[in-house]
PDB file of N, CA and C in Angstrom:
ATOM      1  N   MET A   1       0.847  -1.167   0.000  1.00  0.00           N
ATOM      2  CA  MET A   1       0.000   0.000   0.000  1.00  0.00           C
ATOM      3  C   MET A   1       0.894   1.233   0.000  1.00  0.00           C
ATOM      4  N   LEU A   2       0.539   2.191  -0.816  1.00  0.00           N
ATOM      5  CA  LEU A   2       1.277   3.452  -0.857  1.00  0.00           C
ATOM      6  C   LEU A   2       0.516   4.487  -0.050  1.00  0.00           C
ATOM      7  N   CYS A   3       1.208   5.116   0.879  1.00  0.00           N
ATOM      8  CA  CYS A   3       0.563   6.165   1.656  1.00  0.00           C
ATOM      9  C   CYS A   3       1.423   7.409   1.638  1.00  0.00           C
ATOM     10  N   VAL A   4       0.772   8.518   1.867  1.00  0.00           N
ATOM     11  CA  VAL A   4       1.460   9.791   1.964  1.00  0.00           C
ATOM     12  C   VAL A   4       1.485  10.167   3.439  1.00  0.00           C
ATOM     13  N   GLY A   5       2.650  10.575   3.910  1.00  0.00           N
ATOM     14  CA  GLY A   5       2.805  10.922   5.320  1.00  0.00           C
ATOM     15  C   GLY A   5       2.734  12.416   5.516  1.00  0.00           C
ATOM     16  N   GLY A   6       1.594  12.946   5.290  1.00  0.00           N
ATOM     17  CA  GLY A   6       1.440  14.381   5.434  1.00  0.00           C
ATOM     18  C   GLY A   6       2.075  15.121   4.274  1.00  0.00           C
ATOM     19  N   SER A   7       1.942  16.391   4.285  1.00  0.00           N
ATOM     20  CA  SER A   7       2.559  17.226   3.267  1.00  0.00           C
ATOM     21  C   SER A   7       2.846  18.596   3.848  1.00  0.00           C
ATOM     22  N   GLY A   8       2.936  18.637   5.145  1.00  0.00           N
ATOM     23  CA  GLY A   8       3.207  19.886   5.830  1.00  0.00           C
ATOM     24  C   GLY A   8       4.656  19.976   6.253  1.00  0.00           C
ATOM     25  N   ARG A   9       4.888  20.795   7.225  1.00  0.00           N
ATOM     26  CA  ARG A   9       6.243  21.039   7.698  1.00  0.00           C
ATOM     27  C   ARG A   9       6.897  19.768   8.234  1.00  0.00           C
ATOM     28  N   ILE A  10       8.181  19.612   7.940  1.00  0.00           N
ATOM     29  CA  ILE A  10       8.952  18.507   8.499  1.00  0.00           C
ATOM     30  C   ILE A  10       9.623  19.045   9.766  1.00  0.00           C
ATOM     31  N   VAL A  11       8.933  18.825  10.889  1.00  0.00           N
ATOM     32  CA  VAL A  11       9.383  19.288  12.206  1.00  0.00           C
ATOM     33  C   VAL A  11       8.953  18.259  13.244  1.00  0.00           C
ATOM     34  N   ALA A  12       9.508  18.362  14.434  1.00  0.00           N
ATOM     35  CA  ALA A  12       9.171  17.412  15.503  1.00  0.00           C
ATOM     36  C   ALA A  12       7.684  17.425  15.840  1.00  0.00           C
ATOM     37  N   GLU A  13       7.031  18.588  15.738  1.00  0.00           N
ATOM     38  CA  GLU A  13       5.608  18.683  16.092  1.00  0.00           C
ATOM     39  C   GLU A  13       4.723  17.847  15.164  1.00  0.00           C
ATOM     40  N   THR A  14       5.144  17.639  13.918  1.00  0.00           N
ATOM     41  CA  THR A  14       4.352  16.824  12.999  1.00  0.00           C
ATOM     42  C   THR A  14       4.822  15.368  12.999  1.00  0.00           C
ATOM     43  N   SER A  15       5.957  15.097  13.585  1.00  0.00           N
ATOM     44  CA  SER A  15       6.495  13.751  13.850  1.00  0.00           C
ATOM     45  C   SER A  15       6.443  12.773  12.677  1.00  0.00           C
ATOM     46  N   PRO A  16       6.976  13.141  11.521  1.00  0.00           N
ATOM     47  CA  PRO A  16       6.965  12.178  10.423  1.00  0.00           C
ATOM     48  C   PRO A  16       7.733  10.895  10.731  1.00  0.00           C
ATOM     49  N   HIS A  17       8.627  10.936  11.706  1.00  0.00           N
ATOM     50  CA  HIS A  17       9.323   9.692  12.057  1.00  0.00           C
ATOM     51  C   HIS A  17       8.337   8.648  12.582  1.00  0.00           C
ATOM     52  N   LEU A  18       7.246   9.094  13.220  1.00  0.00           N
ATOM     53  CA  LEU A  18       6.221   8.143  13.676  1.00  0.00           C
ATOM     54  C   LEU A  18       5.436   7.574  12.493  1.00  0.00           C
ATOM     55  N   ALA A  19       5.185   8.389  11.486  1.00  0.00           N
ATOM     56  CA  ALA A  19       4.532   7.900  10.267  1.00  0.00           C
ATOM     57  C   ALA A  19       5.423   6.859   9.587  1.00  0.00           C
ATOM     58  N   ILE A  20       6.720   7.102   9.597  1.00  0.00           N
ATOM     59  CA  ILE A  20       7.666   6.138   9.012  1.00  0.00           C
ATOM     60  C   ILE A  20       7.609   4.825   9.782  1.00  0.00           C
ATOM     61  N   GLU A  21       7.627   4.897  11.104  1.00  0.00           N
ATOM     62  CA  GLU A  21       7.568   3.680  11.915  1.00  0.00           C
ATOM     63  C   GLU A  21       6.268   2.909  11.654  1.00  0.00           C
ATOM     64  N   ALA A  22       5.156   3.627  11.559  1.00  0.00           N
ATOM     65  CA  ALA A  22       3.872   2.970  11.283  1.00  0.00           C
ATOM     66  C   ALA A  22       3.892   2.297   9.918  1.00  0.00           C
ATOM     67  N   ALA A  23       4.377   2.995   8.910  1.00  0.00           N
ATOM     68  CA  ALA A  23       4.439   2.419   7.565  1.00  0.00           C
ATOM     69  C   ALA A  23       5.343   1.192   7.544  1.00  0.00           C
ATOM     70  N   ASN A  24       6.481   1.279   8.177  1.00  0.00           N
ATOM     71  CA  ASN A  24       7.399   0.130   8.222  1.00  0.00           C
ATOM     72  C   ASN A  24       6.760  -1.064   8.913  1.00  0.00           C
ATOM     73  N   SER A  25       6.046  -0.821  10.017  1.00  0.00           N
ATOM     74  CA  SER A  25       5.447  -1.940  10.756  1.00  0.00           C
ATOM     75  C   SER A  25       4.356  -2.635   9.951  1.00  0.00           C
ATOM     76  N   LEU A  26       3.752  -1.912   9.000  1.00  0.00           N
ATOM     77  CA  LEU A  26       2.692  -2.485   8.175  1.00  0.00           C
ATOM     78  C   LEU A  26       3.176  -2.941   6.797  1.00  0.00           C
ATOM     79  N   GLY A  27       4.438  -2.685   6.499  1.00  0.00           N
ATOM     80  CA  GLY A  27       4.980  -3.051   5.192  1.00  0.00           C
ATOM     81  C   GLY A  27       4.502  -2.137   4.075  1.00  0.00           C
ATOM     82  N   TRP A  28       4.138  -0.906   4.423  1.00  0.00           N
ATOM     83  CA  TRP A  28       3.649   0.059   3.444  1.00  0.00           C
ATOM     84  C   TRP A  28       4.786   0.906   2.904  1.00  0.00           C
ATOM     85  N   GLN A  29       4.628   1.375   1.690  1.00  0.00           N
ATOM     86  CA  GLN A  29       5.496   2.417   1.156  1.00  0.00           C
ATOM     87  C   GLN A  29       4.963   3.745   1.662  1.00  0.00           C
ATOM     88  N   LEU A  30       5.856   4.687   1.899  1.00  0.00           N
ATOM     89  CA  LEU A  30       5.454   5.996   2.420  1.00  0.00           C
ATOM     90  C   LEU A  30       6.189   7.088   1.666  1.00  0.00           C
ATOM     91  N   VAL A  31       5.437   8.081   1.259  1.00  0.00           N
ATOM     92  CA  VAL A  31       6.006   9.269   0.631  1.00  0.00           C
ATOM     93  C   VAL A  31       5.764  10.446   1.567  1.00  0.00           C
ATOM     94  N   LEU A  32       6.830  11.101   1.975  1.00  0.00           N
ATOM     95  CA  LEU A  32       6.734  12.306   2.785  1.00  0.00           C
ATOM     96  C   LEU A  32       6.914  13.506   1.871  1.00  0.00           C
ATOM     97  N   ALA A  33       6.174  14.552   2.129  1.00  0.00           N
ATOM     98  CA  ALA A  33       6.319  15.781   1.364  1.00  0.00           C
ATOM     99  C   ALA A  33       6.207  16.951   2.321  1.00  0.00           C
ATOM    100  N   GLY A  34       6.801  18.042   1.957  1.00  0.00           N
ATOM    101  CA  GLY A  34       6.713  19.246   2.770  1.00  0.00           C
ATOM    102  C   GLY A  34       8.072  19.864   2.992  1.00  0.00           C
ATOM    103  N   PRO A  35       8.062  21.127   3.375  1.00  0.00           N
ATOM    104  CA  PRO A  35       9.319  21.829   3.600  1.00  0.00           C
ATOM    105  C   PRO A  35       9.994  21.383   4.892  1.00  0.00           C
ATOM    106  N   MET A  36      11.304  21.179   4.827  1.00  0.00           N
ATOM    107  CA  MET A  36      12.079  20.851   6.008  1.00  0.00           C
ATOM    108  C   MET A  36      12.339  22.151   6.756  1.00  0.00           C
ATOM    109  N   GLN A  37      11.798  22.258   7.946  1.00  0.00           N
ATOM    110  CA  GLN A  37      11.961  23.491   8.718  1.00  0.00           C
ATOM    111  C   GLN A  37      12.826  23.310   9.951  1.00  0.00           C
ATOM    112  N   ASP A  38      13.280  22.082  10.183  1.00  0.00           N
ATOM    113  CA  ASP A  38      14.163  21.814  11.319  1.00  0.00           C
ATOM    114  C   ASP A  38      15.218  20.820  10.859  1.00  0.00           C
ATOM    115  N   GLN A  39      16.353  21.346  10.434  1.00  0.00           N
ATOM    116  CA  GLN A  39      17.418  20.509   9.883  1.00  0.00           C
ATOM    117  C   GLN A  39      17.897  19.461  10.886  1.00  0.00           C
ATOM    118  N   GLY A  40      18.046  19.862  12.159  1.00  0.00           N
ATOM    119  CA  GLY A  40      18.507  18.924  13.180  1.00  0.00           C
ATOM    120  C   GLY A  40      17.555  17.750  13.343  1.00  0.00           C
ATOM    121  N   TYR A  41      16.256  18.038  13.423  1.00  0.00           N
ATOM    122  CA  TYR A  41      15.256  16.974  13.531  1.00  0.00           C
ATOM    123  C   TYR A  41      15.311  16.070  12.300  1.00  0.00           C
ATOM    124  N   PHE A  42      15.342  16.676  11.119  1.00  0.00           N
ATOM    125  CA  PHE A  42      15.392  15.894   9.885  1.00  0.00           C
ATOM    126  C   PHE A  42      16.617  14.976   9.882  1.00  0.00           C
ATOM    127  N   ASP A  43      17.779  15.526  10.236  1.00  0.00           N
ATOM    128  CA  ASP A  43      19.025  14.754  10.198  1.00  0.00           C
ATOM    129  C   ASP A  43      19.045  13.602  11.189  1.00  0.00           C
ATOM    130  N   THR A  44      18.429  13.792  12.353  1.00  0.00           N
ATOM    131  CA  THR A  44      18.490  12.741  13.378  1.00  0.00           C
ATOM    132  C   THR A  44      17.315  11.776  13.347  1.00  0.00           C
ATOM    133  N   GLU A  45      16.118  12.257  12.970  1.00  0.00           N
ATOM    134  CA  GLU A  45      14.923  11.421  13.071  1.00  0.00           C
ATOM    135  C   GLU A  45      14.340  10.948  11.738  1.00  0.00           C
ATOM    136  N   VAL A  46      14.528  11.720  10.686  1.00  0.00           N
ATOM    137  CA  VAL A  46      13.905  11.380   9.406  1.00  0.00           C
ATOM    138  C   VAL A  46      14.905  10.769   8.439  1.00  0.00           C
ATOM    139  N   ALA A  47      15.984  11.463   8.155  1.00  0.00           N
ATOM    140  CA  ALA A  47      16.950  10.998   7.148  1.00  0.00           C
ATOM    141  C   ALA A  47      17.442   9.569   7.390  1.00  0.00           C
ATOM    142  N   PRO A  48      17.769   9.181   8.635  1.00  0.00           N
ATOM    143  CA  PRO A  48      18.228   7.799   8.847  1.00  0.00           C
ATOM    144  C   PRO A  48      17.167   6.736   8.550  1.00  0.00           C
ATOM    145  N   ARG A  49      15.910   7.131   8.503  1.00  0.00           N
ATOM    146  CA  ARG A  49      14.815   6.184   8.265  1.00  0.00           C
ATOM    147  C   ARG A  49      14.401   6.121   6.792  1.00  0.00           C
ATOM    148  N   LEU A  50      14.971   6.968   5.951  1.00  0.00           N
ATOM    149  CA  LEU A  50      14.618   6.950   4.528  1.00  0.00           C
ATOM    150  C   LEU A  50      15.213   5.721   3.856  1.00  0.00           C
ATOM    151  N   THR A  51      14.411   5.069   3.029  1.00  0.00           N
ATOM    152  CA  THR A  51      14.818   3.857   2.316  1.00  0.00           C
ATOM    153  C   THR A  51      14.211   3.910   0.920  1.00  0.00           C
ATOM    154  N   ALA A  52      14.315   2.825   0.189  1.00  0.00           N
ATOM    155  CA  ALA A  52      13.665   2.750  -1.118  1.00  0.00           C
ATOM    156  C   ALA A  52      12.144   2.819  -0.977  1.00  0.00           C
ATOM    157  N   ASP A  53      11.601   2.358   0.157  1.00  0.00           N
ATOM    158  CA  ASP A  53      10.151   2.376   0.377  1.00  0.00           C
ATOM    159  C   ASP A  53       9.672   3.593   1.162  1.00  0.00           C
ATOM    160  N   ILE A  54      10.581   4.330   1.752  1.00  0.00           N
ATOM    161  CA  ILE A  54      10.238   5.519   2.544  1.00  0.00           C
ATOM    162  C   ILE A  54      11.007   6.688   1.932  1.00  0.00           C
ATOM    163  N   THR A  55      10.295   7.584   1.260  1.00  0.00           N
ATOM    164  CA  THR A  55      10.969   8.666   0.550  1.00  0.00           C
ATOM    165  C   THR A  55      10.454  10.030   0.986  1.00  0.00           C
ATOM    166  N   TRP A  56      11.289  11.038   0.810  1.00  0.00           N
ATOM    167  CA  TRP A  56      10.919  12.423   1.081  1.00  0.00           C
ATOM    168  C   TRP A  56      11.079  13.192  -0.218  1.00  0.00           C
ATOM    169  N   LEU A  57      10.014  13.867  -0.637  1.00  0.00           N
ATOM    170  CA  LEU A  57      10.010  14.583  -1.903  1.00  0.00           C
ATOM    171  C   LEU A  57      10.342  16.059  -1.765  1.00  0.00           C
ATOM    172  N   GLY A  58      10.370  16.563  -0.541  1.00  0.00           N
ATOM    173  CA  GLY A  58      10.582  17.989  -0.336  1.00  0.00           C
ATOM    174  C   GLY A  58       9.267  18.729  -0.487  1.00  0.00           C
ATOM    175  N   PRO A  59       9.319  20.061  -0.578  1.00  0.00           N
ATOM    176  CA  PRO A  59       8.084  20.827  -0.747  1.00  0.00           C
ATOM    177  C   PRO A  59       7.519  20.623  -2.147  1.00  0.00           C
ATOM    178  N   LEU A  60       6.192  20.522  -2.244  1.00  0.00           N
ATOM    179  CA  LEU A  60       5.530  20.308  -3.524  1.00  0.00           C
ATOM    180  C   LEU A  60       4.614  21.475  -3.850  1.00  0.00           C
ATOM    181  N   ASP A  61       4.471  21.761  -5.145  1.00  0.00           N
ATOM    182  CA  ASP A  61       3.489  22.773  -5.536  1.00  0.00           C
ATOM    183  C   ASP A  61       2.109  22.109  -5.591  1.00  0.00           C
ATOM    184  N   GLY A  62       1.084  22.877  -5.865  1.00  0.00           N
ATOM    185  CA  GLY A  62      -0.291  22.365  -5.839  1.00  0.00           C
ATOM    186  C   GLY A  62      -0.516  21.173  -6.745  1.00  0.00           C
ATOM    187  N   GLN A  63      -0.022  21.235  -7.951  1.00  0.00           N
ATOM    188  CA  GLN A  63      -0.204  20.129  -8.903  1.00  0.00           C
ATOM    189  C   GLN A  63       0.505  18.865  -8.420  1.00  0.00           C
ATOM    190  N   GLN A  64       1.720  19.019  -7.942  1.00  0.00           N
ATOM    191  CA  GLN A  64       2.474  17.866  -7.435  1.00  0.00           C
ATOM    192  C   GLN A  64       1.791  17.271  -6.206  1.00  0.00           C
ATOM    193  N   LEU A  65       1.249  18.127  -5.373  1.00  0.00           N
ATOM    194  CA  LEU A  65       0.551  17.661  -4.179  1.00  0.00           C
ATOM    195  C   LEU A  65      -0.690  16.863  -4.558  1.00  0.00           C
ATOM    196  N   ARG A  66      -1.471  17.375  -5.487  1.00  0.00           N
ATOM    197  CA  ARG A  66      -2.668  16.638  -5.943  1.00  0.00           C
ATOM    198  C   ARG A  66      -2.276  15.286  -6.533  1.00  0.00           C
ATOM    199  N   GLN A  67      -1.183  15.243  -7.280  1.00  0.00           N
ATOM    200  CA  GLN A  67      -0.713  13.978  -7.866  1.00  0.00           C
ATOM    201  C   GLN A  67      -0.293  12.998  -6.772  1.00  0.00           C
ATOM    202  N   SER A  68       0.383  13.502  -5.762  1.00  0.00           N
ATOM    203  CA  SER A  68       0.799  12.662  -4.646  1.00  0.00           C
ATOM    204  C   SER A  68      -0.411  12.065  -3.932  1.00  0.00           C
ATOM    205  N   TYR A  69      -1.437  12.888  -3.688  1.00  0.00           N
ATOM    206  CA  TYR A  69      -2.654  12.388  -3.054  1.00  0.00           C
ATOM    207  C   TYR A  69      -3.357  11.375  -3.949  1.00  0.00           C
ATOM    208  N   ALA A  70      -3.417  11.641  -5.234  1.00  0.00           N
ATOM    209  CA  ALA A  70      -4.109  10.742  -6.168  1.00  0.00           C
ATOM    210  C   ALA A  70      -3.421   9.386  -6.254  1.00  0.00           C
ATOM    211  N   ASN A  71      -2.119   9.345  -6.042  1.00  0.00           N
ATOM    212  CA  ASN A  71      -1.369   8.099  -6.133  1.00  0.00           C
ATOM    213  C   ASN A  71      -1.322   7.328  -4.820  1.00  0.00           C
ATOM    214  N   SER A  72      -1.911   7.877  -3.774  1.00  0.00           N
ATOM    215  CA  SER A  72      -1.836   7.265  -2.450  1.00  0.00           C
ATOM    216  C   SER A  72      -3.156   6.597  -2.077  1.00  0.00           C
ATOM    217  N   ASN A  73      -3.052   5.612  -1.210  1.00  0.00           N
ATOM    218  CA  ASN A  73      -4.225   4.904  -0.712  1.00  0.00           C
ATOM    219  C   ASN A  73      -4.734   5.469   0.603  1.00  0.00           C
ATOM    220  N   VAL A  74      -3.839   6.051   1.384  1.00  0.00           N
ATOM    221  CA  VAL A  74      -4.184   6.562   2.706  1.00  0.00           C
ATOM    222  C   VAL A  74      -3.157   7.621   3.098  1.00  0.00           C
ATOM    223  N   ALA A  75      -3.575   8.535   3.943  1.00  0.00           N
ATOM    224  CA  ALA A  75      -2.669   9.536   4.501  1.00  0.00           C
ATOM    225  C   ALA A  75      -2.376   9.172   5.952  1.00  0.00           C
ATOM    226  N   VAL A  76      -1.125   9.246   6.334  1.00  0.00           N
ATOM    227  CA  VAL A  76      -0.716   8.956   7.700  1.00  0.00           C
ATOM    228  C   VAL A  76      -0.270  10.270   8.333  1.00  0.00           C
ATOM    229  N   LEU A  77      -0.994  10.689   9.372  1.00  0.00           N
ATOM    230  CA  LEU A  77      -0.696  11.956  10.038  1.00  0.00           C
ATOM    231  C   LEU A  77      -0.401  11.702  11.505  1.00  0.00           C
ATOM    232  N   THR A  78       0.692  12.270  11.975  1.00  0.00           N
ATOM    233  CA  THR A  78       1.164  11.980  13.328  1.00  0.00           C
ATOM    234  C   THR A  78       1.482  13.259  14.104  1.00  0.00           C
ATOM    235  N   PRO A  79       0.505  14.141  14.283  1.00  0.00           N
ATOM    236  CA  PRO A  79       0.790  15.381  15.008  1.00  0.00           C
ATOM    237  C   PRO A  79       1.084  15.110  16.481  1.00  0.00           C
ATOM    238  N   MET A  80       2.023  15.848  17.025  1.00  0.00           N
ATOM    239  CA  MET A  80       2.363  15.706  18.437  1.00  0.00           C
ATOM    240  C   MET A  80       2.047  16.986  19.204  1.00  0.00           C
ATOM    241  N   TRP A  81       1.144  17.784  18.667  1.00  0.00           N
ATOM    242  CA  TRP A  81       0.716  18.991  19.352  1.00  0.00           C
ATOM    243  C   TRP A  81      -0.770  19.179  19.104  1.00  0.00           C
ATOM    244  N   GLU A  82      -1.397  19.968  19.906  1.00  0.00           N
ATOM    245  CA  GLU A  82      -2.840  20.179  19.820  1.00  0.00           C
ATOM    246  C   GLU A  82      -3.154  21.266  18.797  1.00  0.00           C
ATOM    247  N   GLU A  83      -2.947  20.950  17.537  1.00  0.00           N
ATOM    248  CA  GLU A  83      -3.180  21.913  16.464  1.00  0.00           C
ATOM    249  C   GLU A  83      -4.659  22.291  16.420  1.00  0.00           C
ATOM    250  N   PRO A  84      -4.978  23.590  16.459  1.00  0.00           N
ATOM    251  CA  PRO A  84      -6.377  24.003  16.491  1.00  0.00           C
ATOM    252  C   PRO A  84      -7.111  23.715  15.186  1.00  0.00           C
ATOM    253  N   PHE A  85      -6.444  23.740  14.073  1.00  0.00           N
ATOM    254  CA  PHE A  85      -7.030  23.351  12.791  1.00  0.00           C
ATOM    255  C   PHE A  85      -5.899  22.928  11.889  1.00  0.00           C
ATOM    256  N   GLY A  86      -6.075  21.826  11.200  1.00  0.00           N
ATOM    257  CA  GLY A  86      -5.027  21.335  10.320  1.00  0.00           C
ATOM    258  C   GLY A  86      -5.423  21.457   8.862  1.00  0.00           C
ATOM    259  N   LEU A  87      -4.736  22.295   8.138  1.00  0.00           N
ATOM    260  CA  LEU A  87      -5.010  22.452   6.717  1.00  0.00           C
ATOM    261  C   LEU A  87      -4.676  21.180   5.943  1.00  0.00           C
ATOM    262  N   VAL A  88      -3.588  20.510   6.313  1.00  0.00           N
ATOM    263  CA  VAL A  88      -3.169  19.310   5.589  1.00  0.00           C
ATOM    264  C   VAL A  88      -4.249  18.225   5.628  1.00  0.00           C
ATOM    265  N   PRO A  89      -4.778  17.834   6.800  1.00  0.00           N
ATOM    266  CA  PRO A  89      -5.825  16.805   6.775  1.00  0.00           C
ATOM    267  C   PRO A  89      -7.087  17.266   6.049  1.00  0.00           C
ATOM    268  N   ALA A  90      -7.426  18.539   6.156  1.00  0.00           N
ATOM    269  CA  ALA A  90      -8.599  19.045   5.441  1.00  0.00           C
ATOM    270  C   ALA A  90      -8.412  18.928   3.935  1.00  0.00           C
ATOM    271  N   GLU A  91      -7.210  19.265   3.447  1.00  0.00           N
ATOM    272  CA  GLU A  91      -6.919  19.131   2.014  1.00  0.00           C
ATOM    273  C   GLU A  91      -7.005  17.670   1.583  1.00  0.00           C
ATOM    274  N   MET A  92      -6.443  16.787   2.391  1.00  0.00           N
ATOM    275  CA  MET A  92      -6.438  15.364   2.047  1.00  0.00           C
ATOM    276  C   MET A  92      -7.857  14.817   1.992  1.00  0.00           C
ATOM    277  N   LEU A  93      -8.655  15.127   2.997  1.00  0.00           N
ATOM    278  CA  LEU A  93     -10.032  14.649   3.010  1.00  0.00           C
ATOM    279  C   LEU A  93     -10.832  15.207   1.843  1.00  0.00           C
ATOM    280  N   SER A  94     -10.590  16.467   1.485  1.00  0.00           N
ATOM    281  CA  SER A  94     -11.328  17.063   0.365  1.00  0.00           C
ATOM    282  C   SER A  94     -10.963  16.420  -0.961  1.00  0.00           C
ATOM    283  N   CYS A  95      -9.802  15.766  -1.009  1.00  0.00           N
ATOM    284  CA  CYS A  95      -9.392  15.037  -2.215  1.00  0.00           C
ATOM    285  C   CYS A  95      -9.849  13.582  -2.171  1.00  0.00           C
ATOM    286  N   GLY A  96     -10.563  13.195  -1.115  1.00  0.00           N
ATOM    287  CA  GLY A  96     -11.057  11.827  -1.001  1.00  0.00           C
ATOM    288  C   GLY A  96     -10.042  10.853  -0.444  1.00  0.00           C
ATOM    289  N   LEU A  97      -8.975  11.349   0.151  1.00  0.00           N
ATOM    290  CA  LEU A  97      -7.930  10.486   0.695  1.00  0.00           C
ATOM    291  C   LEU A  97      -8.252  10.164   2.154  1.00  0.00           C
ATOM    292  N   PRO A  98      -8.442   8.901   2.503  1.00  0.00           N
ATOM    293  CA  PRO A  98      -8.720   8.548   3.897  1.00  0.00           C
ATOM    294  C   PRO A  98      -7.516   8.850   4.789  1.00  0.00           C
ATOM    295  N   LEU A  99      -7.789   9.108   6.055  1.00  0.00           N
ATOM    296  CA  LEU A  99      -6.739   9.421   7.021  1.00  0.00           C
ATOM    297  C   LEU A  99      -6.544   8.283   8.011  1.00  0.00           C
ATOM    298  N   ALA A 100      -5.289   8.012   8.305  1.00  0.00           N
ATOM    299  CA  ALA A 100      -4.896   7.215   9.459  1.00  0.00           C
ATOM    300  C   ALA A 100      -4.108   8.198  10.309  1.00  0.00           C
ATOM    301  N   ALA A 101      -4.695   8.656  11.400  1.00  0.00           N
ATOM    302  CA  ALA A 101      -4.101   9.780  12.121  1.00  0.00           C
ATOM    303  C   ALA A 101      -4.197   9.613  13.620  1.00  0.00           C
ATOM    304  N   LEU A 102      -3.263  10.238  14.306  1.00  0.00           N
ATOM    305  CA  LEU A 102      -3.359  10.348  15.751  1.00  0.00           C
ATOM    306  C   LEU A 102      -4.467  11.346  16.073  1.00  0.00           C
ATOM    307  N   ASP A 103      -5.223  11.063  17.090  1.00  0.00           N
ATOM    308  CA  ASP A 103      -6.320  11.948  17.483  1.00  0.00           C
ATOM    309  C   ASP A 103      -5.769  13.060  18.362  1.00  0.00           C
ATOM    310  N   ARG A 104      -5.180  14.043  17.714  1.00  0.00           N
ATOM    311  CA  ARG A 104      -4.597  15.188  18.406  1.00  0.00           C
ATOM    312  C   ARG A 104      -5.182  16.456  17.816  1.00  0.00           C
ATOM    313  N   GLY A 105      -5.399  17.435  18.645  1.00  0.00           N
ATOM    314  CA  GLY A 105      -5.908  18.717  18.162  1.00  0.00           C
ATOM    315  C   GLY A 105      -7.251  18.541  17.471  1.00  0.00           C
ATOM    316  N   ALA A 106      -7.412  19.198  16.334  1.00  0.00           N
ATOM    317  CA  ALA A 106      -8.699  19.234  15.638  1.00  0.00           C
ATOM    318  C   ALA A 106      -8.975  18.022  14.760  1.00  0.00           C
ATOM    319  N   ILE A 107      -8.009  17.141  14.581  1.00  0.00           N
ATOM    320  CA  ILE A 107      -8.227  16.010  13.669  1.00  0.00           C
ATOM    321  C   ILE A 107      -9.492  15.240  14.035  1.00  0.00           C
ATOM    322  N   GLY A 108      -9.693  14.964  15.301  1.00  0.00           N
ATOM    323  CA  GLY A 108     -10.873  14.225  15.725  1.00  0.00           C
ATOM    324  C   GLY A 108     -12.184  14.956  15.511  1.00  0.00           C
ATOM    325  N   GLU A 109     -12.108  16.269  15.334  1.00  0.00           N
ATOM    326  CA  GLU A 109     -13.328  17.050  15.136  1.00  0.00           C
ATOM    327  C   GLU A 109     -13.871  16.956  13.721  1.00  0.00           C
ATOM    328  N   PHE A 110     -13.052  16.615  12.757  1.00  0.00           N
ATOM    329  CA  PHE A 110     -13.572  16.508  11.396  1.00  0.00           C
ATOM    330  C   PHE A 110     -13.345  15.138  10.777  1.00  0.00           C
ATOM    331  N   THR A 111     -13.113  14.158  11.630  1.00  0.00           N
ATOM    332  CA  THR A 111     -13.092  12.770  11.188  1.00  0.00           C
ATOM    333  C   THR A 111     -14.042  11.991  12.077  1.00  0.00           C
ATOM    334  N   ASP A 112     -14.585  10.946  11.555  1.00  0.00           N
ATOM    335  CA  ASP A 112     -15.516  10.124  12.301  1.00  0.00           C
ATOM    336  C   ASP A 112     -15.035   8.676  12.239  1.00  0.00           C
ATOM    337  N   PRO A 113     -14.435   8.162  13.303  1.00  0.00           N
ATOM    338  CA  PRO A 113     -13.887   6.813  13.271  1.00  0.00           C
ATOM    339  C   PRO A 113     -14.937   5.719  13.094  1.00  0.00           C
ATOM    340  N   SER A 114     -16.211   6.038  13.260  1.00  0.00           N
ATOM    341  CA  SER A 114     -17.243   5.018  13.093  1.00  0.00           C
ATOM    342  C   SER A 114     -17.586   4.786  11.623  1.00  0.00           C
ATOM    343  N   VAL A 115     -17.110   5.662  10.739  1.00  0.00           N
ATOM    344  CA  VAL A 115     -17.378   5.516   9.315  1.00  0.00           C
ATOM    345  C   VAL A 115     -16.198   4.788   8.680  1.00  0.00           C
ATOM    346  N   PRO A 116     -16.421   3.606   8.087  1.00  0.00           N
ATOM    347  CA  PRO A 116     -15.314   2.857   7.495  1.00  0.00           C
ATOM    348  C   PRO A 116     -14.755   3.582   6.272  1.00  0.00           C
ATOM    349  N   CYS A 117     -13.455   3.450   6.091  1.00  0.00           N
ATOM    350  CA  CYS A 117     -12.779   4.074   4.943  1.00  0.00           C
ATOM    351  C   CYS A 117     -13.046   3.281   3.681  1.00  0.00           C
TER     352      CYS A 117
END
């Protein structure tokens, strides 16, 4: 299964290393996208986990982002802060991409776990 691990900032608060661990434990391919805003975090937590099945594309423009979502089966989001509203999950859901996400901040307010994907 191909999944996209968010498309927002690559920082500790969004914890893409947890998305990588989840994808690895399930045998999924994972594509990370978004601007690297914390070089130290990227170097210690993300870069060592990149493989042929776990890739980082960097920041994407709108067309590239839509293509990434269209090619994915699920989005994996691992926020580690109480984000009041997440643009990334809203964009993904509006494109019809199901979410596998930690229930942090507003994510639980616009997803319904009782509805099967």
